[in-house]
Amino acid sequence: MKYIYKLIVVLGVMLSITSCDETIDPVIYNGVESENRTFLTFANTTVNLPVTIDDTGSVDLILNSSTVSSTDRVFNINLEAESTADPLTYNLPSTVMIPANSYQGVLTVTGVDNGLVDANVKQIVFSLSDLPDSVDMDLNRIVINVFEICPVPDTYLVGDYALVDSNGNFSNGVVNVRVGPTPTERVFETTFLPGSGVDTVLDVTFTLACNLFDLSNDVDISVSCTAGNPPYYILTSAGTANNGSYSLSSDTVHTINYTEDPFASCSQTSIQNFTLTKL
């Protein structure tokens, strides 16, 4: 029997606003005015950058701040050595700016096929560097998954489907599949690890990547078989060699492969799948 434990991390940030005295510098303080610490976080630490075959693609990353400032704030971007994407296939700016009097900044990363991008996911990994002493940032490691896509009709693989999972990671039953954040992504809601005591309702996202299915976002709720400690039990992409395939000529039965427990938290790593049958 697999015993899976859940690690729950709760972060609370309280913002108090002081606005009675118009002579006060227009900064919104995050709790303690004398310290005026700023907390930065990206809205998502893992995002997808699908690049249309023989064309381009882009993705916007939102940088959130717990404070505002009367001047623009510019932060340096450091490309990490673990990045695997070809530098000729993307443009990553060297800085990201939060404009004056704003809580958010936008970092736009563009990708271009150049005949060098395929369905095999490559990664751009970066962090913010040289942060001021008054600035804190958790999870300062951002991953952008770069892969090639081919256009698909927005009606393909959309609607009600019967879900059957090969190894009990998802609840079997009827799910509604919808178009995801990008035109070639599909999303449905189901229960992860049903009956385990840590069962969680979540969205599962997969990509239609030029005739191959790919589990584009890891399924990870910080559970493990080691009393809540890493390595965690997750589901991730099956990889190009093992991904299931699709054809636009058929919209009836689809099998999406994935890698179960790649870090061997609970058992030996294996390739599993779920099947979606149109109703």
C-alpha atoms as a PDB file:
ATOM      1  CA  MET A   1       0.000   0.000   0.000  1.00  0.00           C
ATOM      2  CA  LYS A   2       1.216   3.487  -0.814  1.00  0.00           C
ATOM      3  CA  TYR A   3       1.086   5.876   2.127  1.00  0.00           C
ATOM      4  CA  ILE A   4       1.033   9.410   0.825  1.00  0.00           C
ATOM      5  CA  TYR A   5       1.441  12.446   3.029  1.00  0.00           C
ATOM      6  CA  LYS A   6       0.622  16.007   2.146  1.00  0.00           C
ATOM      7  CA  LEU A   7       2.803  18.984   2.969  1.00  0.00           C
ATOM      8  CA  ILE A   8       0.812  22.199   3.291  1.00  0.00           C
ATOM      9  CA  VAL A   9       2.613  25.508   3.275  1.00  0.00           C
ATOM     10  CA  VAL A  10       0.531  28.530   4.184  1.00  0.00           C
ATOM     11  CA  LEU A  11       1.876  31.988   3.440  1.00  0.00           C
ATOM     12  CA  GLY A  12       0.079  35.033   4.783  1.00  0.00           C
ATOM     13  CA  VAL A  13       0.836  38.551   3.685  1.00  0.00           C
ATOM     14  CA  MET A  14      -1.051  41.484   5.193  1.00  0.00           C
ATOM     15  CA  LEU A  15      -1.027  44.853   3.536  1.00  0.00           C
ATOM     16  CA  SER A  16      -1.881  47.985   5.490  1.00  0.00           C
ATOM     17  CA  ILE A  17      -2.454  51.236   3.667  1.00  0.00           C
ATOM     18  CA  THR A  18      -1.532  54.614   5.105  1.00  0.00           C
ATOM     19  CA  SER A  19      -3.055  57.507   3.187  1.00  0.00           C
ATOM     20  CA  CYS A  20      -4.190  60.142   5.688  1.00  0.00           C
ATOM     21  CA  ASP A  21      -1.239  62.479   5.245  1.00  0.00           C
ATOM     22  CA  GLU A  22      -0.715  63.611   1.668  1.00  0.00           C
ATOM     23  CA  THR A  23       2.905  64.526   2.493  1.00  0.00           C
ATOM     24  CA  ILE A  24       3.779  60.862   3.061  1.00  0.00           C
ATOM     25  CA  ASP A  25       5.798  59.310   0.236  1.00  0.00           C
ATOM     26  CA  PRO A  26       3.307  57.419  -1.968  1.00  0.00           C
ATOM     27  CA  VAL A  27       4.400  53.913  -1.036  1.00  0.00           C
ATOM     28  CA  ILE A  28       2.016  51.216   0.175  1.00  0.00           C
ATOM     29  CA  TYR A  29       3.665  49.512   3.130  1.00  0.00           C
ATOM     30  CA  ASN A  30       3.420  45.772   3.663  1.00  0.00           C
ATOM     31  CA  GLY A  31       2.694  45.668   7.388  1.00  0.00           C
ATOM     32  CA  VAL A  32       5.637  47.408   9.056  1.00  0.00           C
ATOM     33  CA  GLU A  33       6.268  50.917   7.760  1.00  0.00           C
ATOM     34  CA  SER A  34       9.682  51.217   9.396  1.00  0.00           C
ATOM     35  CA  GLU A  35      10.948  48.168   7.521  1.00  0.00           C
ATOM     36  CA  ASN A  36       9.012  48.629   4.288  1.00  0.00           C
ATOM     37  CA  ARG A  37      10.160  45.292   2.912  1.00  0.00           C
ATOM     38  CA  THR A  38       9.065  44.323  -0.561  1.00  0.00           C
ATOM     39  CA  PHE A  39       8.085  40.791  -1.528  1.00  0.00           C
ATOM     40  CA  LEU A  40       8.266  39.807  -5.185  1.00  0.00           C
ATOM     41  CA  THR A  41       6.702  36.794  -6.835  1.00  0.00           C
ATOM     42  CA  PHE A  42       5.881  35.711 -10.352  1.00  0.00           C
ATOM     43  CA  ALA A  43       2.241  34.736 -10.860  1.00  0.00           C
ATOM     44  CA  ASN A  44       3.477  31.362 -12.180  1.00  0.00           C
ATOM     45  CA  THR A  45       6.897  29.800 -11.782  1.00  0.00           C
ATOM     46  CA  THR A  46       6.378  27.364 -14.685  1.00  0.00           C
ATOM     47  CA  VAL A  47       4.830  28.511 -17.961  1.00  0.00           C
ATOM     48  CA  ASN A  48       4.620  27.255 -21.522  1.00  0.00           C
ATOM     49  CA  LEU A  49       5.936  28.995 -24.623  1.00  0.00           C
ATOM     50  CA  PRO A  50       4.416  27.201 -27.619  1.00  0.00           C
ATOM     51  CA  VAL A  51       6.053  28.190 -30.900  1.00  0.00           C
ATOM     52  CA  THR A  52       3.972  27.705 -34.050  1.00  0.00           C
ATOM     53  CA  ILE A  53       5.768  25.630 -36.670  1.00  0.00           C
ATOM     54  CA  ASP A  54       7.757  27.894 -39.044  1.00  0.00           C
ATOM     55  CA  ASP A  55       6.516  30.897 -37.083  1.00  0.00           C
ATOM     56  CA  THR A  56       6.747  32.502 -33.630  1.00  0.00           C
ATOM     57  CA  GLY A  57       5.131  32.539 -30.193  1.00  0.00           C
ATOM     58  CA  SER A  58       5.234  34.585 -26.998  1.00  0.00           C
ATOM     59  CA  VAL A  59       4.290  34.412 -23.344  1.00  0.00           C
ATOM     60  CA  ASP A  60       3.728  37.142 -20.731  1.00  0.00           C
ATOM     61  CA  LEU A  61       4.951  36.555 -17.173  1.00  0.00           C
ATOM     62  CA  ILE A  62       3.444  38.734 -14.444  1.00  0.00           C
ATOM     63  CA  LEU A  63       5.791  39.920 -11.672  1.00  0.00           C
ATOM     64  CA  ASN A  64       3.853  40.903  -8.529  1.00  0.00           C
ATOM     65  CA  SER A  65       5.095  43.227  -5.781  1.00  0.00           C
ATOM     66  CA  SER A  66       3.703  43.676  -2.278  1.00  0.00           C
ATOM     67  CA  THR A  67       4.457  47.421  -2.450  1.00  0.00           C
ATOM     68  CA  VAL A  68       4.282  50.285  -4.895  1.00  0.00           C
ATOM     69  CA  SER A  69       6.929  52.900  -5.522  1.00  0.00           C
ATOM     70  CA  SER A  70       6.870  56.434  -6.913  1.00  0.00           C
ATOM     71  CA  THR A  71       9.595  55.444  -9.389  1.00  0.00           C
ATOM     72  CA  ASP A  72      10.068  52.627 -11.874  1.00  0.00           C
ATOM     73  CA  ARG A  73      11.723  49.535 -10.398  1.00  0.00           C
ATOM     74  CA  VAL A  74      14.013  47.517 -12.681  1.00  0.00           C
ATOM     75  CA  PHE A  75      15.290  44.028 -11.806  1.00  0.00           C
ATOM     76  CA  ASN A  76      18.037  42.094 -13.577  1.00  0.00           C
ATOM     77  CA  ILE A  77      17.343  38.718 -15.171  1.00  0.00           C
ATOM     78  CA  ASN A  78      19.890  35.919 -14.910  1.00  0.00           C
ATOM     79  CA  LEU A  79      19.725  33.007 -17.363  1.00  0.00           C
ATOM     80  CA  GLU A  80      20.535  29.818 -15.484  1.00  0.00           C
ATOM     81  CA  ALA A  81      23.087  27.320 -16.805  1.00  0.00           C
ATOM     82  CA  GLU A  82      20.532  24.492 -16.639  1.00  0.00           C
ATOM     83  CA  SER A  83      18.580  26.043 -19.528  1.00  0.00           C
ATOM     84  CA  THR A  84      18.313  23.624 -22.467  1.00  0.00           C
ATOM     85  CA  ALA A  85      16.542  25.773 -25.091  1.00  0.00           C
ATOM     86  CA  ASP A  86      18.656  26.890 -28.046  1.00  0.00           C
ATOM     87  CA  PRO A  87      19.441  30.635 -27.637  1.00  0.00           C
ATOM     88  CA  LEU A  88      18.610  31.077 -31.341  1.00  0.00           C
ATOM     89  CA  THR A  89      14.995  30.128 -30.626  1.00  0.00           C
ATOM     90  CA  TYR A  90      14.024  32.719 -28.019  1.00  0.00           C
ATOM     91  CA  ASN A  91      14.478  36.254 -26.770  1.00  0.00           C
ATOM     92  CA  LEU A  92      14.686  36.679 -23.004  1.00  0.00           C
ATOM     93  CA  PRO A  93      15.011  40.354 -21.925  1.00  0.00           C
ATOM     94  CA  SER A  94      17.866  41.218 -19.581  1.00  0.00           C
ATOM     95  CA  THR A  95      15.582  43.111 -17.174  1.00  0.00           C
ATOM     96  CA  VAL A  96      11.964  43.302 -16.031  1.00  0.00           C
ATOM     97  CA  MET A  97      10.362  46.553 -14.872  1.00  0.00           C
ATOM     98  CA  ILE A  98       7.543  47.321 -12.462  1.00  0.00           C
ATOM     99  CA  PRO A  99       6.331  50.804 -13.475  1.00  0.00           C
ATOM    100  CA  ALA A 100       5.953  53.586 -10.929  1.00  0.00           C
ATOM    101  CA  ASN A 101       2.787  53.399  -8.816  1.00  0.00           C
ATOM    102  CA  SER A 102       2.113  49.833  -9.906  1.00  0.00           C
ATOM    103  CA  TYR A 103       2.044  46.477  -8.128  1.00  0.00           C
ATOM    104  CA  GLN A 104       2.833  44.523 -11.298  1.00  0.00           C
ATOM    105  CA  GLY A 105       5.275  44.329 -14.155  1.00  0.00           C
ATOM    106  CA  VAL A 106       5.104  42.249 -17.335  1.00  0.00           C
ATOM    107  CA  LEU A 107       7.983  40.247 -18.791  1.00  0.00           C
ATOM    108  CA  THR A 108       7.378  39.176 -22.404  1.00  0.00           C
ATOM    109  CA  VAL A 109       9.451  36.273 -23.721  1.00  0.00           C
ATOM    110  CA  THR A 110       9.266  35.484 -27.437  1.00  0.00           C
ATOM    111  CA  GLY A 111      10.133  32.312 -29.309  1.00  0.00           C
ATOM    112  CA  VAL A 112      10.892  31.655 -32.976  1.00  0.00           C
ATOM    113  CA  ASP A 113      10.974  28.298 -34.750  1.00  0.00           C
ATOM    114  CA  ASN A 114      14.055  28.846 -36.975  1.00  0.00           C
ATOM    115  CA  GLY A 115      13.762  25.159 -37.892  1.00  0.00           C
ATOM    116  CA  LEU A 116      15.259  24.373 -34.482  1.00  0.00           C
ATOM    117  CA  VAL A 117      12.140  23.830 -32.319  1.00  0.00           C
ATOM    118  CA  ASP A 118      10.276  20.520 -32.211  1.00  0.00           C
ATOM    119  CA  ALA A 119       7.744  18.746 -30.006  1.00  0.00           C
ATOM    120  CA  ASN A 120      10.499  17.818 -27.561  1.00  0.00           C
ATOM    121  CA  VAL A 121      10.192  20.283 -24.671  1.00  0.00           C
ATOM    122  CA  LYS A 122      13.257  22.455 -24.011  1.00  0.00           C
ATOM    123  CA  GLN A 123      13.510  24.835 -21.069  1.00  0.00           C
ATOM    124  CA  ILE A 124      14.483  28.433 -20.419  1.00  0.00           C
ATOM    125  CA  VAL A 125      15.352  28.743 -16.726  1.00  0.00           C
ATOM    126  CA  PHE A 126      16.008  32.131 -15.168  1.00  0.00           C
ATOM    127  CA  SER A 127      16.008  34.034 -11.878  1.00  0.00           C
ATOM    128  CA  LEU A 128      16.098  37.640 -10.740  1.00  0.00           C
ATOM    129  CA  SER A 129      19.560  38.709  -9.608  1.00  0.00           C
ATOM    130  CA  ASP A 130      21.166  41.534  -7.616  1.00  0.00           C
ATOM    131  CA  LEU A 131      18.003  42.192  -5.617  1.00  0.00           C
ATOM    132  CA  PRO A 132      18.216  45.100  -3.119  1.00  0.00           C
ATOM    133  CA  ASP A 133      18.548  44.213   0.564  1.00  0.00           C
ATOM    134  CA  SER A 134      14.973  45.377   1.166  1.00  0.00           C
ATOM    135  CA  VAL A 135      13.544  42.990  -1.427  1.00  0.00           C
ATOM    136  CA  ASP A 136      12.688  39.342  -0.750  1.00  0.00           C
ATOM    137  CA  MET A 137      11.615  36.700  -3.229  1.00  0.00           C
ATOM    138  CA  ASP A 138      10.516  33.107  -2.715  1.00  0.00           C
ATOM    139  CA  LEU A 139      10.737  30.576  -5.541  1.00  0.00           C
ATOM    140  CA  ASN A 140      13.222  32.659  -7.504  1.00  0.00           C
ATOM    141  CA  ARG A 141      13.523  30.093 -10.281  1.00  0.00           C
ATOM    142  CA  ILE A 142      11.279  30.462 -13.300  1.00  0.00           C
ATOM    143  CA  VAL A 143      10.920  27.732 -15.938  1.00  0.00           C
ATOM    144  CA  ILE A 144       9.605  28.357 -19.456  1.00  0.00           C
ATOM    145  CA  ASN A 145       8.847  25.225 -21.489  1.00  0.00           C
ATOM    146  CA  VAL A 146       9.520  25.800 -25.201  1.00  0.00           C
ATOM    147  CA  PHE A 147       8.065  23.455 -27.800  1.00  0.00           C
ATOM    148  CA  GLU A 148       6.703  23.440 -31.346  1.00  0.00           C
ATOM    149  CA  ILE A 149       2.988  23.391 -32.066  1.00  0.00           C
ATOM    150  CA  CYS A 150       0.878  22.906 -35.160  1.00  0.00           C
ATOM    151  CA  PRO A 151      -2.476  24.689 -35.498  1.00  0.00           C
ATOM    152  CA  VAL A 152      -5.537  22.689 -34.437  1.00  0.00           C
ATOM    153  CA  PRO A 153      -9.240  23.584 -34.788  1.00  0.00           C
ATOM    154  CA  ASP A 154     -10.689  25.095 -31.605  1.00  0.00           C
ATOM    155  CA  THR A 155     -13.445  22.452 -31.726  1.00  0.00           C
ATOM    156  CA  TYR A 156     -11.033  19.495 -31.744  1.00  0.00           C
ATOM    157  CA  LEU A 157     -10.963  17.455 -28.514  1.00  0.00           C
ATOM    158  CA  VAL A 158     -13.433  19.763 -26.783  1.00  0.00           C
ATOM    159  CA  GLY A 159     -16.572  18.731 -24.898  1.00  0.00           C
ATOM    160  CA  ASP A 160     -17.613  15.827 -22.667  1.00  0.00           C
ATOM    161  CA  TYR A 161     -15.373  12.763 -22.558  1.00  0.00           C
ATOM    162  CA  ALA A 162     -15.237   9.563 -20.516  1.00  0.00           C
ATOM    163  CA  LEU A 163     -11.945   9.477 -18.608  1.00  0.00           C
ATOM    164  CA  VAL A 164     -10.258   6.164 -17.743  1.00  0.00           C
ATOM    165  CA  ASP A 165      -6.864   6.236 -16.004  1.00  0.00           C
ATOM    166  CA  SER A 166      -4.511   3.249 -16.221  1.00  0.00           C
ATOM    167  CA  ASN A 167      -3.236   3.300 -12.641  1.00  0.00           C
ATOM    168  CA  GLY A 168      -5.726   5.129 -10.433  1.00  0.00           C
ATOM    169  CA  ASN A 169      -4.029   8.520 -10.418  1.00  0.00           C
ATOM    170  CA  PHE A 170      -7.219  10.190 -11.679  1.00  0.00           C
ATOM    171  CA  SER A 171     -10.883   9.448 -11.000  1.00  0.00           C
ATOM    172  CA  ASN A 172     -12.623   7.609 -13.796  1.00  0.00           C
ATOM    173  CA  GLY A 173     -15.756   9.358 -15.014  1.00  0.00           C
ATOM    174  CA  VAL A 174     -17.052  12.088 -17.287  1.00  0.00           C
ATOM    175  CA  VAL A 175     -14.926  15.225 -17.695  1.00  0.00           C
ATOM    176  CA  ASN A 176     -15.456  18.363 -19.725  1.00  0.00           C
ATOM    177  CA  VAL A 177     -12.437  19.171 -21.876  1.00  0.00           C
ATOM    178  CA  ARG A 178     -11.945  22.818 -22.821  1.00  0.00           C
ATOM    179  CA  VAL A 179      -9.395  24.912 -24.684  1.00  0.00           C
ATOM    180  CA  GLY A 180      -6.554  25.929 -22.363  1.00  0.00           C
ATOM    181  CA  PRO A 181      -4.394  29.047 -22.002  1.00  0.00           C
ATOM    182  CA  THR A 182      -3.094  28.576 -25.549  1.00  0.00           C
ATOM    183  CA  PRO A 183      -5.019  27.304 -28.608  1.00  0.00           C
ATOM    184  CA  THR A 184      -3.225  23.944 -28.613  1.00  0.00           C
ATOM    185  CA  GLU A 185      -3.686  23.195 -24.911  1.00  0.00           C
ATOM    186  CA  ARG A 186      -6.618  21.253 -23.496  1.00  0.00           C
ATOM    187  CA  VAL A 187      -7.732  21.313 -19.853  1.00  0.00           C
ATOM    188  CA  PHE A 188     -10.144  19.261 -17.770  1.00  0.00           C
ATOM    189  CA  GLU A 189     -10.942  19.059 -14.060  1.00  0.00           C
ATOM    190  CA  THR A 190     -10.685  15.777 -12.174  1.00  0.00           C
ATOM    191  CA  THR A 191      -9.621  14.298  -8.824  1.00  0.00           C
ATOM    192  CA  PHE A 192      -5.961  13.414  -8.346  1.00  0.00           C
ATOM    193  CA  LEU A 193      -5.186  10.369  -6.141  1.00  0.00           C
ATOM    194  CA  PRO A 194      -8.836   9.468  -5.419  1.00  0.00           C
ATOM    195  CA  GLY A 195      -9.408   7.633  -2.123  1.00  0.00           C
ATOM    196  CA  SER A 196      -5.861   8.261  -0.885  1.00  0.00           C
ATOM    197  CA  GLY A 197      -6.714  10.673   1.919  1.00  0.00           C
ATOM    198  CA  VAL A 198      -4.960  13.503   0.078  1.00  0.00           C
ATOM    199  CA  ASP A 199      -7.246  13.423  -2.966  1.00  0.00           C
ATOM    200  CA  THR A 200      -7.367  16.827  -4.623  1.00  0.00           C
ATOM    201  CA  VAL A 201      -9.587  18.307  -7.316  1.00  0.00           C
ATOM    202  CA  LEU A 202      -7.406  20.049  -9.890  1.00  0.00           C
ATOM    203  CA  ASP A 203      -7.004  20.953 -13.552  1.00  0.00           C
ATOM    204  CA  VAL A 204      -5.013  18.651 -15.818  1.00  0.00           C
ATOM    205  CA  THR A 205      -3.418  20.385 -18.813  1.00  0.00           C
ATOM    206  CA  PHE A 206      -1.991  18.676 -21.868  1.00  0.00           C
ATOM    207  CA  THR A 207      -0.731  19.979 -25.198  1.00  0.00           C
ATOM    208  CA  LEU A 208      -1.368  18.928 -28.777  1.00  0.00           C
ATOM    209  CA  ALA A 209       2.168  19.321 -30.076  1.00  0.00           C
ATOM    210  CA  CYS A 210       2.309  18.508 -33.791  1.00  0.00           C
ATOM    211  CA  ASN A 211       0.571  15.110 -33.678  1.00  0.00           C
ATOM    212  CA  LEU A 212       1.871  14.272 -30.191  1.00  0.00           C
ATOM    213  CA  PHE A 213       0.133  14.620 -26.823  1.00  0.00           C
ATOM    214  CA  ASP A 214       2.254  16.046 -24.025  1.00  0.00           C
ATOM    215  CA  LEU A 215       1.377  16.502 -20.336  1.00  0.00           C
ATOM    216  CA  SER A 216       2.559  20.103 -20.442  1.00  0.00           C
ATOM    217  CA  ASN A 217       2.187  20.909 -16.723  1.00  0.00           C
ATOM    218  CA  ASP A 218       3.389  18.611 -13.942  1.00  0.00           C
ATOM    219  CA  VAL A 219       0.702  17.308 -11.599  1.00  0.00           C
ATOM    220  CA  ASP A 220       2.276  18.155  -8.249  1.00  0.00           C
ATOM    221  CA  ILE A 221       0.459  18.810  -4.960  1.00  0.00           C
ATOM    222  CA  SER A 222       3.507  18.329  -2.680  1.00  0.00           C
ATOM    223  CA  VAL A 223       2.720  14.780  -1.588  1.00  0.00           C
ATOM    224  CA  SER A 224       5.149  11.962  -0.959  1.00  0.00           C
ATOM    225  CA  CYS A 225       5.530   8.532   0.578  1.00  0.00           C
ATOM    226  CA  THR A 226       8.246   9.822   2.904  1.00  0.00           C
ATOM    227  CA  ALA A 227       6.161  11.547   5.594  1.00  0.00           C
ATOM    228  CA  GLY A 228       5.663  14.671   3.526  1.00  0.00           C
ATOM    229  CA  ASN A 229       9.335  15.108   2.656  1.00  0.00           C
ATOM    230  CA  PRO A 230      10.877  15.253  -0.837  1.00  0.00           C
ATOM    231  CA  PRO A 231      11.076  13.610  -3.283  1.00  0.00           C
ATOM    232  CA  TYR A 232       7.440  14.235  -4.151  1.00  0.00           C
ATOM    233  CA  TYR A 233       5.028  11.954  -5.963  1.00  0.00           C
ATOM    234  CA  ILE A 234       4.202  13.752  -9.198  1.00  0.00           C
ATOM    235  CA  LEU A 235       3.097  13.071 -12.744  1.00  0.00           C
ATOM    236  CA  THR A 236       5.059  14.611 -15.587  1.00  0.00           C
ATOM    237  CA  SER A 237       5.570  14.415 -19.355  1.00  0.00           C
ATOM    238  CA  ALA A 238       6.210  10.999 -20.870  1.00  0.00           C
ATOM    239  CA  GLY A 239       8.828  12.534 -23.153  1.00  0.00           C
ATOM    240  CA  THR A 240       8.895  12.570 -26.928  1.00  0.00           C
ATOM    241  CA  ALA A 241       9.759   8.877 -27.248  1.00  0.00           C
ATOM    242  CA  ASN A 242       6.764   7.800 -25.145  1.00  0.00           C
ATOM    243  CA  ASN A 243       4.118  10.457 -25.788  1.00  0.00           C
ATOM    244  CA  GLY A 244       0.857   9.306 -27.339  1.00  0.00           C
ATOM    245  CA  SER A 245      -0.135  10.553 -30.771  1.00  0.00           C
ATOM    246  CA  TYR A 246      -3.264  12.043 -32.309  1.00  0.00           C
ATOM    247  CA  SER A 247      -4.672  12.673 -35.773  1.00  0.00           C
ATOM    248  CA  LEU A 248      -6.944  15.548 -36.727  1.00  0.00           C
ATOM    249  CA  SER A 249      -8.937  13.055 -38.812  1.00  0.00           C
ATOM    250  CA  SER A 250     -10.311  11.444 -35.623  1.00  0.00           C
ATOM    251  CA  ASP A 251     -11.844  12.942 -32.492  1.00  0.00           C
ATOM    252  CA  THR A 252     -13.232   9.832 -30.816  1.00  0.00           C
ATOM    253  CA  VAL A 253     -10.629   8.145 -28.602  1.00  0.00           C
ATOM    254  CA  HIS A 254      -7.420   9.756 -27.318  1.00  0.00           C
ATOM    255  CA  THR A 255      -4.695   8.215 -25.136  1.00  0.00           C
ATOM    256  CA  ILE A 256      -2.356  10.579 -23.296  1.00  0.00           C
ATOM    257  CA  ASN A 257       0.773   9.009 -21.799  1.00  0.00           C
ATOM    258  CA  TYR A 258       2.597  10.415 -18.773  1.00  0.00           C
ATOM    259  CA  THR A 259       5.480   9.538 -16.451  1.00  0.00           C
ATOM    260  CA  GLU A 260       4.349   8.393 -13.008  1.00  0.00           C
ATOM    261  CA  ASP A 261       6.544   9.164  -9.993  1.00  0.00           C
ATOM    262  CA  PRO A 262       9.737  10.217 -11.850  1.00  0.00           C
ATOM    263  CA  PHE A 263      11.574  10.708  -8.514  1.00  0.00           C
ATOM    264  CA  ALA A 264      10.541   7.247  -7.222  1.00  0.00           C
ATOM    265  CA  SER A 265       8.961   8.659  -4.077  1.00  0.00           C
ATOM    266  CA  CYS A 266       6.479   5.811  -3.747  1.00  0.00           C
ATOM    267  CA  SER A 267       7.390   3.191  -6.328  1.00  0.00           C
ATOM    268  CA  GLN A 268       9.370   2.508  -9.457  1.00  0.00           C
ATOM    269  CA  THR A 269       8.994   5.119 -12.190  1.00  0.00           C
ATOM    270  CA  SER A 270       6.716   3.987 -15.006  1.00  0.00           C
ATOM    271  CA  ILE A 271       4.824   5.206 -18.066  1.00  0.00           C
ATOM    272  CA  GLN A 272       1.052   5.325 -17.488  1.00  0.00           C
ATOM    273  CA  ASN A 273      -1.810   6.864 -19.428  1.00  0.00           C
ATOM    274  CA  PHE A 274      -5.364   8.103 -19.366  1.00  0.00           C
ATOM    275  CA  THR A 275      -7.876   7.650 -22.178  1.00  0.00           C
ATOM    276  CA  LEU A 276     -10.517  10.165 -23.216  1.00  0.00           C
ATOM    277  CA  THR A 277     -13.481   8.785 -25.184  1.00  0.00           C
ATOM    278  CA  LYS A 278     -15.893  11.272 -26.738  1.00  0.00           C
ATOM    279  CA  LEU A 279     -19.504  11.020 -25.513  1.00  0.00           C
END
